[in-house]
Protein backbone atom coordinates (compact mmCIF):
# COMPACT_ATOMS: atom_id res chain seq x y z
CA MET A 1 100.61 161.20 94.77
CA LYS A 2 102.67 160.54 91.58
CA PHE A 3 101.69 158.25 88.97
CA ASP A 4 103.56 157.69 85.47
CA THR A 5 99.96 157.79 83.77
CA ILE A 6 96.58 158.54 85.33
CA ILE A 7 93.60 157.39 83.62
CA ILE A 8 90.18 158.99 84.05
CA GLY A 9 87.18 156.27 83.45
CA GLY A 10 87.23 152.84 84.22
CA GLY A 11 85.28 151.30 81.17
CA LEU A 12 86.65 149.41 78.39
CA SER A 13 88.82 151.99 76.97
CA GLY A 14 90.36 153.27 80.47
CA LEU A 15 90.97 149.49 81.44
CA THR A 16 92.54 148.39 77.96
CA CYS A 17 94.89 151.60 78.20
CA GLY A 18 95.85 150.95 81.74
CA ILE A 19 96.57 147.07 81.23
CA ALA A 20 98.84 148.19 77.93
CA LEU A 21 100.62 150.65 80.00
CA SER A 22 101.08 148.39 83.10
CA GLN A 23 102.27 145.60 80.77
CA LYS A 24 105.32 148.10 79.98
CA GLY A 25 106.05 148.59 83.61
CA GLN A 26 104.46 151.84 84.06
CA ARG A 27 103.01 152.95 87.23
CA VAL A 28 99.10 153.68 86.37
CA ALA A 29 96.24 154.68 88.40
CA ILE A 30 92.50 154.69 86.82
CA VAL A 31 89.86 156.81 88.74
CA ALA A 32 86.40 154.84 87.92
CA GLY A 33 83.40 156.58 89.16
CA GLY A 34 81.53 153.32 89.46
CA GLN A 35 79.66 150.82 87.27
CA ASN A 36 80.53 151.47 83.53
CA SER A 37 79.01 150.57 80.43
CA LEU A 38 80.55 146.90 79.82
CA HIS A 39 77.45 146.03 82.16
CA PHE A 40 75.48 146.63 79.11
CA ASN A 41 77.69 144.59 76.89
CA ALA A 42 76.28 141.54 75.39
CA GLY A 43 79.37 139.51 75.19
CA SER A 44 80.75 140.63 71.80
CA MET A 45 83.16 143.33 70.51
CA GLU A 46 82.20 145.29 67.32
CA LEU A 47 85.02 146.86 65.22
CA LEU A 48 83.11 148.02 62.38
CA GLY A 49 79.56 146.64 61.24
CA ASN A 50 78.07 149.29 59.19
CA VAL A 51 79.37 151.81 56.67
CA ASP A 52 76.88 154.29 54.69
CA GLY A 53 74.17 151.96 55.68
CA GLU A 54 75.56 148.63 54.34
CA GLU A 55 76.51 145.94 56.86
CA ILE A 56 80.07 145.14 56.70
CA ALA A 57 81.52 141.59 56.38
CA HIS A 58 85.34 142.75 56.15
CA PRO A 59 85.71 145.38 58.83
CA VAL A 60 89.90 146.35 58.06
CA GLU A 61 89.01 146.55 54.38
CA ALA A 62 85.72 148.79 54.74
CA ALA A 63 87.72 151.13 57.20
CA GLN A 64 89.01 152.68 54.26
CA ARG A 65 85.64 154.30 53.32
CA LEU A 66 85.15 155.84 56.94
CA GLN A 67 84.80 159.80 57.49
CA PRO A 68 88.23 161.61 57.83
CA ASN A 69 87.58 162.67 61.26
CA HIS A 70 86.47 159.08 62.37
CA PRO A 71 88.76 157.91 65.36
CA TYR A 72 90.34 155.10 63.30
CA ARG A 73 91.89 157.80 60.79
CA LYS A 74 93.67 158.93 63.91
CA VAL A 75 94.97 155.42 64.97
CA GLY A 76 95.99 154.86 61.38
CA ILE A 77 93.79 152.60 59.08
CA ASP A 78 97.17 150.81 58.05
CA HIS A 79 97.24 149.58 61.90
CA LEU A 80 93.67 148.50 62.57
CA GLU A 81 94.46 144.86 62.16
CA GLU A 82 97.58 144.68 64.19
CA LEU A 83 95.82 146.62 66.96
CA ALA A 84 92.90 144.57 66.78
CA GLN A 85 95.19 141.38 67.41
CA GLU A 86 96.87 143.08 70.23
CA ALA A 87 93.48 143.74 71.73
CA LYS A 88 92.47 140.16 71.30
CA THR A 89 95.75 138.95 73.03
CA LEU A 90 95.14 141.20 75.85
CA LEU A 91 91.44 139.87 76.42
CA ASP A 92 93.02 136.43 76.16
CA LYS A 93 95.58 137.31 78.96
CA ALA A 94 92.86 138.51 81.14
CA GLY A 95 91.20 135.11 80.86
CA LEU A 96 88.40 135.89 78.33
CA THR A 97 88.68 133.53 75.51
CA MET A 98 86.76 134.96 72.57
CA SER A 99 86.41 133.96 68.95
CA GLY A 100 86.82 136.03 65.65
CA ASN A 101 89.31 138.13 63.85
CA ALA A 102 89.57 141.64 62.46
CA LYS A 103 89.56 140.75 58.82
CA GLU A 104 86.05 139.06 58.68
CA ASN A 105 82.94 139.88 60.97
CA HIS A 106 80.86 136.85 62.26
CA TRP A 107 77.08 137.60 63.32
CA ARG A 108 75.89 137.51 66.88
CA ILE A 109 72.21 137.09 68.20
CA THR A 110 70.89 139.94 69.91
CA PRO A 111 68.45 139.81 73.23
CA ILE A 112 65.58 140.08 71.04
CA GLY A 113 66.83 137.45 68.47
CA VAL A 114 68.06 139.49 65.35
CA THR A 115 71.65 139.40 63.92
CA LYS A 116 74.47 142.02 64.28
CA PRO A 117 78.04 142.11 62.69
CA ALA A 118 80.64 141.22 65.44
CA TRP A 119 84.47 141.42 65.72
CA LEU A 120 84.98 139.11 68.83
CA THR A 121 82.60 137.11 70.90
CA LEU A 122 82.91 135.11 74.05
CA GLU A 123 82.96 131.45 73.86
CA GLY A 124 79.63 129.95 74.36
CA LEU A 125 77.39 132.67 72.92
CA ALA A 126 75.36 131.77 70.02
CA THR A 127 77.07 133.06 66.64
CA VAL A 128 76.74 132.48 62.98
CA ALA A 129 78.98 132.87 59.86
CA SER A 130 76.49 135.39 58.10
CA SER A 131 73.31 137.40 58.58
CA GLN A 132 71.44 134.48 57.27
CA LEU A 133 70.70 132.01 59.98
CA PRO A 134 71.87 128.46 59.01
CA TRP A 135 69.29 126.59 61.49
CA LYS A 136 66.09 124.71 60.43
CA ALA A 137 64.93 124.37 63.86
CA VAL A 138 66.02 125.14 67.44
CA THR A 139 64.76 124.61 70.98
CA LEU A 140 64.66 127.69 73.10
CA VAL A 141 64.75 126.91 76.87
CA GLU A 142 62.72 129.23 78.98
CA LEU A 143 63.38 129.61 82.79
CA GLU A 144 60.21 129.89 84.64
CA GLY A 145 60.32 133.31 86.56
CA PHE A 146 63.15 134.85 84.69
CA ILE A 147 62.77 138.51 83.80
CA ASP A 148 65.73 139.53 81.72
CA SER A 149 65.08 137.64 78.41
CA PRO A 150 62.32 138.81 76.05
CA LEU A 151 61.90 135.07 74.50
CA GLN A 152 58.58 136.15 72.82
CA PHE A 153 60.71 138.53 70.70
CA VAL A 154 63.40 135.89 70.04
CA GLU A 155 60.93 133.47 68.88
CA THR A 156 59.27 135.88 66.27
CA ASN A 157 62.38 137.11 65.12
CA LEU A 158 63.76 133.64 64.50
CA ALA A 159 60.67 132.56 62.88
CA ALA A 160 60.75 135.46 60.60
CA GLN A 161 63.94 134.05 59.39
CA GLY A 162 62.35 130.65 58.31
CA VAL A 163 63.46 128.76 61.64
CA GLN A 164 61.09 126.40 63.46
CA VAL A 165 61.14 127.27 67.33
CA LYS A 166 59.98 125.14 69.83
CA VAL A 167 60.06 126.39 73.67
CA ALA A 168 60.77 124.35 76.31
CA ARG A 169 60.01 125.43 79.93
CA ILE A 170 62.00 124.61 83.10
CA ALA A 171 61.61 125.15 86.66
CA PRO A 172 64.89 123.79 88.39
CA ALA A 173 64.26 123.08 92.12
CA VAL A 174 67.83 124.79 93.02
CA LEU A 175 66.00 128.16 91.99
CA THR A 176 62.88 127.75 94.09
CA GLN A 177 63.84 130.23 96.75
CA ALA A 178 64.89 132.64 94.09
CA ARG A 179 61.58 132.68 92.40
CA ARG A 180 59.93 133.77 95.55
CA SER A 181 61.07 137.25 94.62
CA ALA A 182 61.02 138.74 91.10
CA SER A 183 63.90 140.99 91.84
CA GLU A 184 66.26 137.75 92.37
CA MET A 185 65.25 136.55 89.03
CA ARG A 186 67.51 138.72 87.36
CA ALA A 187 70.72 137.33 85.31
CA THR A 188 73.55 138.50 87.49
CA SER A 189 71.59 137.29 90.50
CA LEU A 190 71.09 133.81 89.06
CA ALA A 191 74.83 133.74 87.86
CA LYS A 192 75.67 133.61 91.68
CA ILE A 193 73.40 131.05 92.44
CA LEU A 194 74.60 128.63 89.48
CA ARG A 195 78.18 128.63 90.57
CA ASN A 196 78.39 125.40 92.25
CA HIS A 197 78.51 122.02 90.70
CA GLN A 198 75.35 120.66 92.46
CA ALA A 199 73.22 123.88 91.07
CA LEU A 200 74.75 123.32 87.60
CA ALA A 201 73.75 119.38 87.69
CA SER A 202 70.13 120.18 88.74
CA LEU A 203 69.84 122.77 85.80
CA ALA A 204 71.34 120.36 83.27
CA ALA A 205 68.96 117.65 84.30
CA GLU A 206 66.12 119.85 83.97
CA ILE A 207 67.14 120.66 80.40
CA ASN A 208 67.90 117.15 79.49
CA GLN A 209 64.41 116.33 80.54
CA VAL A 210 62.81 118.68 77.97
CA THR A 211 65.13 118.23 74.99
CA THR A 212 66.72 115.39 72.90
CA ALA A 213 70.39 114.70 71.74
CA ASP A 214 69.80 115.94 68.22
CA GLU A 215 68.33 119.29 68.99
CA LEU A 216 70.30 122.79 68.82
CA VAL A 217 69.51 124.50 72.24
CA LEU A 218 69.53 128.06 72.74
CA MET A 219 69.04 129.59 76.12
CA PRO A 220 69.60 132.84 77.90
CA MET A 221 73.00 133.35 79.46
CA PHE A 222 72.11 133.76 83.23
CA LEU A 223 75.28 131.86 84.19
CA GLY A 224 78.99 132.10 83.85
CA LEU A 225 80.10 135.33 85.85
CA ASP A 226 83.59 134.65 86.52
CA ASP A 227 84.00 130.87 86.29
CA ASP A 228 83.83 127.77 83.79
CA ALA A 229 80.04 127.48 84.35
CA LEU A 230 79.14 127.56 80.74
CA ALA A 231 81.34 124.70 79.70
CA ALA A 232 80.57 122.93 82.77
CA LEU A 233 76.85 123.00 81.80
CA GLN A 234 77.47 122.30 78.17
CA ALA A 235 79.43 119.14 78.96
CA GLN A 236 76.46 117.72 81.19
CA VAL A 237 73.47 118.48 78.82
CA LYS A 238 72.86 115.91 75.74
CA PRO A 239 72.03 118.53 73.16
CA ARG A 240 74.22 121.16 71.49
CA LEU A 241 73.82 124.17 73.71
CA ALA A 242 74.38 127.67 73.08
CA PHE A 243 73.83 131.03 74.97
CA LEU A 244 71.87 134.19 74.14
CA PRO A 245 72.49 137.50 75.72
CA THR A 246 69.92 138.87 78.06
CA LEU A 247 68.58 142.49 79.00
CA PRO A 248 70.94 144.42 81.23
CA PRO A 249 72.68 144.14 83.62
CA MET A 250 74.33 141.29 81.11
CA VAL A 251 76.24 138.47 82.69
CA PRO A 252 78.77 138.49 79.80
CA GLY A 253 79.52 142.20 80.18
CA VAL A 254 79.90 141.74 84.08
CA ARG A 255 82.44 139.22 83.47
CA ILE A 256 84.35 141.04 80.89
CA ALA A 257 84.60 144.21 83.21
CA THR A 258 85.63 141.80 86.36
CA ALA A 259 88.28 140.13 84.33
CA LEU A 260 89.88 143.16 83.09
CA GLN A 261 89.65 145.01 86.60
CA HIS A 262 91.40 141.95 87.98
CA TYR A 263 93.87 141.57 85.39
CA PHE A 264 94.89 145.26 85.83
CA LYS A 265 95.07 145.11 89.53
CA MET A 266 97.30 141.75 89.15
CA LEU A 267 99.71 144.05 86.97
CA GLY A 268 100.06 146.32 89.70
CA GLY A 269 97.52 149.02 88.65
CA THR A 270 95.95 151.36 91.10
CA TYR A 271 91.90 151.26 90.70
CA LEU A 272 90.15 154.02 92.40
CA LEU A 273 86.73 153.19 92.19
CA GLY A 274 84.04 155.16 93.41
CA ASP A 275 85.69 158.35 92.96
CA LYS A 276 85.11 161.28 90.30
CA VAL A 277 87.72 163.83 88.82
CA VAL A 278 86.39 167.16 89.81
CA ASP A 279 89.04 169.37 88.64
CA GLY A 280 92.34 169.70 87.00
CA LEU A 281 95.31 172.32 86.34
CA ILE A 282 96.31 172.96 82.86
CA GLU A 283 99.10 175.41 82.35
CA ASP A 284 101.33 176.21 79.32
CA ASN A 285 99.16 173.63 77.32
CA THR A 286 100.14 170.85 80.02
CA MET A 287 98.23 169.00 82.62
CA ARG A 288 99.77 169.61 85.93
CA HIS A 289 97.62 167.75 88.28
CA ILE A 290 94.00 166.56 89.25
CA THR A 291 91.88 166.49 92.06
CA THR A 292 88.81 164.28 92.92
CA ALA A 293 85.93 164.45 94.97
CA LYS A 294 87.18 161.86 97.72
CA LEU A 295 90.76 163.02 97.92
CA GLN A 296 90.14 166.74 97.68
CA ASP A 297 93.28 167.62 99.57
CA VAL A 298 95.56 165.28 97.51
CA LEU A 299 97.14 166.63 93.90
CA LEU A 300 97.14 163.35 91.69
CA LYS A 301 100.06 164.06 89.57
CA ALA A 302 101.34 162.18 86.46
CA ASP A 303 103.84 162.75 83.50
CA ASN A 304 100.63 161.89 81.26
CA PHE A 305 96.75 161.61 81.62
CA VAL A 306 94.28 159.80 79.52
CA LEU A 307 90.41 161.12 79.44
CA ALA A 308 88.31 158.06 78.84
CA THR A 309 85.21 159.19 80.70
CA GLY A 310 82.72 157.83 77.72
CA SER A 311 79.95 159.93 75.92
CA PHE A 312 76.74 161.16 77.09
CA MET A 313 75.28 157.87 78.99
CA SER A 314 78.46 157.99 81.23
CA GLY A 315 78.78 161.87 81.80
CA GLY A 316 81.94 162.09 79.57
CA VAL A 317 79.97 164.51 77.51
CA VAL A 318 77.10 166.66 78.80
CA ALA A 319 74.32 168.79 76.84
CA ASP A 320 72.23 171.32 78.39
CA PHE A 321 69.70 173.59 76.44
CA THR A 322 72.45 175.60 74.67
CA ARG A 323 75.47 173.58 74.21
CA ILE A 324 77.15 170.10 74.18
CA TYR A 325 80.33 170.51 76.45
CA GLU A 326 82.98 168.41 78.23
CA PRO A 327 82.24 168.87 82.04
CA VAL A 328 85.83 168.34 83.81
CA PHE A 329 88.56 170.15 82.01
CA GLY A 330 86.20 172.30 79.51
CA LEU A 331 87.97 170.69 76.74
CA ASP A 332 87.02 171.71 73.04
CA VAL A 333 84.06 169.50 71.89
CA GLU A 334 82.90 168.95 68.25
CA ALA A 335 79.60 169.62 67.93
CA PRO A 336 76.78 171.79 65.99
CA ALA A 337 76.28 175.13 67.33
CA ASN A 338 72.95 175.26 66.61
CA ARG A 339 70.83 173.04 68.99
CA ALA A 340 68.26 172.57 66.06
CA ASP A 341 71.09 170.65 64.23
CA TRP A 342 71.77 168.23 67.16
CA THR A 343 68.82 165.74 66.22
CA LEU A 344 66.69 164.61 63.15
CA ALA A 345 63.24 164.27 62.95
CA GLU A 346 63.10 160.23 62.92
CA VAL A 347 64.29 158.23 65.77
CA MET A 348 66.19 155.43 63.98
CA ASP A 349 68.45 158.27 61.74
CA ASP A 350 71.99 158.79 62.33
CA GLN A 351 71.41 161.32 65.03
CA PRO A 352 74.04 164.24 64.64
CA TYR A 353 74.55 164.51 68.64
CA MET A 354 75.79 160.69 68.79
CA SER A 355 78.86 161.72 66.74
CA CYS A 356 79.65 164.43 69.32
CA GLY A 357 82.59 164.64 71.48
CA VAL A 358 85.97 165.72 72.60
CA ALA A 359 88.12 167.45 69.73
CA THR A 360 91.80 165.97 69.56
CA ASP A 361 94.74 166.49 67.08
CA ASP A 362 95.88 163.59 64.69
CA THR A 363 97.64 161.93 67.80
CA LEU A 364 94.61 161.82 70.05
CA HIS A 365 95.96 164.84 72.10
CA ALA A 366 92.78 166.52 73.79
CA LEU A 367 92.37 170.10 72.47
CA LYS A 368 91.58 173.33 74.69
CA GLU A 369 90.85 176.52 73.10
CA GLY A 370 92.46 175.11 69.75
CA LYS A 371 95.68 173.83 71.37
CA ALA A 372 96.51 170.31 72.29
CA VAL A 373 97.18 169.56 75.73
CA LYS A 374 100.75 168.03 75.52
CA ASN A 375 100.30 165.35 78.04
CA LEU A 376 96.53 164.84 77.71
CA PHE A 377 95.13 162.25 75.35
CA ALA A 378 91.41 161.34 74.79
CA ILE A 379 90.09 157.70 73.86
CA GLY A 380 87.25 155.64 73.46
CA SER A 381 83.55 157.02 73.10
CA VAL A 382 84.45 160.57 74.62
CA LEU A 383 85.89 160.94 70.92
CA SER A 384 83.81 162.59 68.39
CA GLY A 385 83.76 161.48 64.52
CA HIS A 386 81.60 158.21 65.04
CA ASN A 387 78.36 157.11 65.91
CA ALA A 388 78.77 153.47 67.63
CA ALA A 389 75.15 152.79 67.56
CA VAL A 390 75.06 153.19 63.88
CA GLN A 391 78.49 152.24 62.59
CA GLY A 392 78.83 149.24 65.19
CA ASP A 393 82.33 150.41 66.08
CA GLY A 394 82.13 151.04 69.49
CA GLU A 395 84.18 148.56 71.15
CA GLY A 396 86.56 148.66 68.35
CA VAL A 397 87.14 152.55 68.81
CA ASP A 398 87.62 151.88 72.80
CA MET A 399 90.24 149.37 72.50
CA LEU A 400 92.17 150.50 69.64
CA THR A 401 92.41 154.11 70.40
CA ALA A 402 93.37 153.09 74.13
CA LEU A 403 96.31 150.87 72.60
CA ALA A 404 97.48 153.55 70.25
CA VAL A 405 97.63 156.00 73.05
CA ALA A 406 99.51 153.68 75.40
CA HIS A 407 102.09 152.98 72.59
CA ARG A 408 102.57 156.67 72.11
CA ILE A 409 103.01 157.27 75.83
CA THR A 410 105.53 154.38 76.11
CA ASN A 411 107.48 155.21 72.70
CA ARG A 412 107.72 158.87 73.91
CA GLN A 413 109.27 157.72 77.17
């Protein structure tokens, strides 16, 4: 089978690159192992939230302070704002309306009620202009039997910032059947139930009974998988209503993943879900073909290949007792040689292993034995040079490196 480009990995970076290439008329295939890390996404995209321990309000400006091997350096610091706007446009075309811009961060509310800088956030989710909450009082809506939102933590953390919190408990009759099994009281399960107008009307009536029109109401986001349920509910309740992300699997993340997959397929892309690349032939510094677990007798060929397999969580980078390595093609990895240097004593420190990843040249071509593979690029969290958990740049690195590589592939052709 022959494609213009084959992308290995179906998460945010792989889908972004696949969509951008498909928009340019390329024949693209994505090999996706299964559920991706978007299912852990709270509905926000981070571009750059922290540099040298300082929370960042202006990410494009602060990017000038990043270390020399950060992926943004290989994208080009001067192109960050342009690529960020392109990323937002891509999300909008996929049906994902998000607020925010690259010049100035806003602050999102996490599932435990603390604030973090964000670049883009799905409409409907609670956001504020700065790290200091502007609210004097809020009402937290607690759904009886719901197990995916630690509202006690939310209440405590909001109160610690001077917000007066009232908790209002509801038990909509439409969810009575679901409450008979704890496994059904998960955010993604409830979102499927709350797709129809009757169920939404029942939920809205319950909220209106325990709140008043002049309140700000926050509630966990357990609806809105792939439809307009959020807006429909907001239109039916009396108070101003905003949503908080829950524990994984998160409805906003599932919605983002579903929308991007649908858009990629709509553009003509081939999405090989549930398969895994097991081998590939590299000769003369060129990737010739790959093989997958389910298509063992079929050589998948392309003019270009893109590695978007993620970091440790998704197996794009692997560690054993002696080394950190890339498991599919044996690509070069930037990591401390001494295992003792992989970690620091304090759990919350900037752990060195979190910055490990595949080595590339300045144009994001992957390296093997010190040489760039001419038609193999690496994008997203498989890259070395940044710690997304500390720097708050995960989705930005995913999308911007994906778009930069898409441009380099199409410009070359």
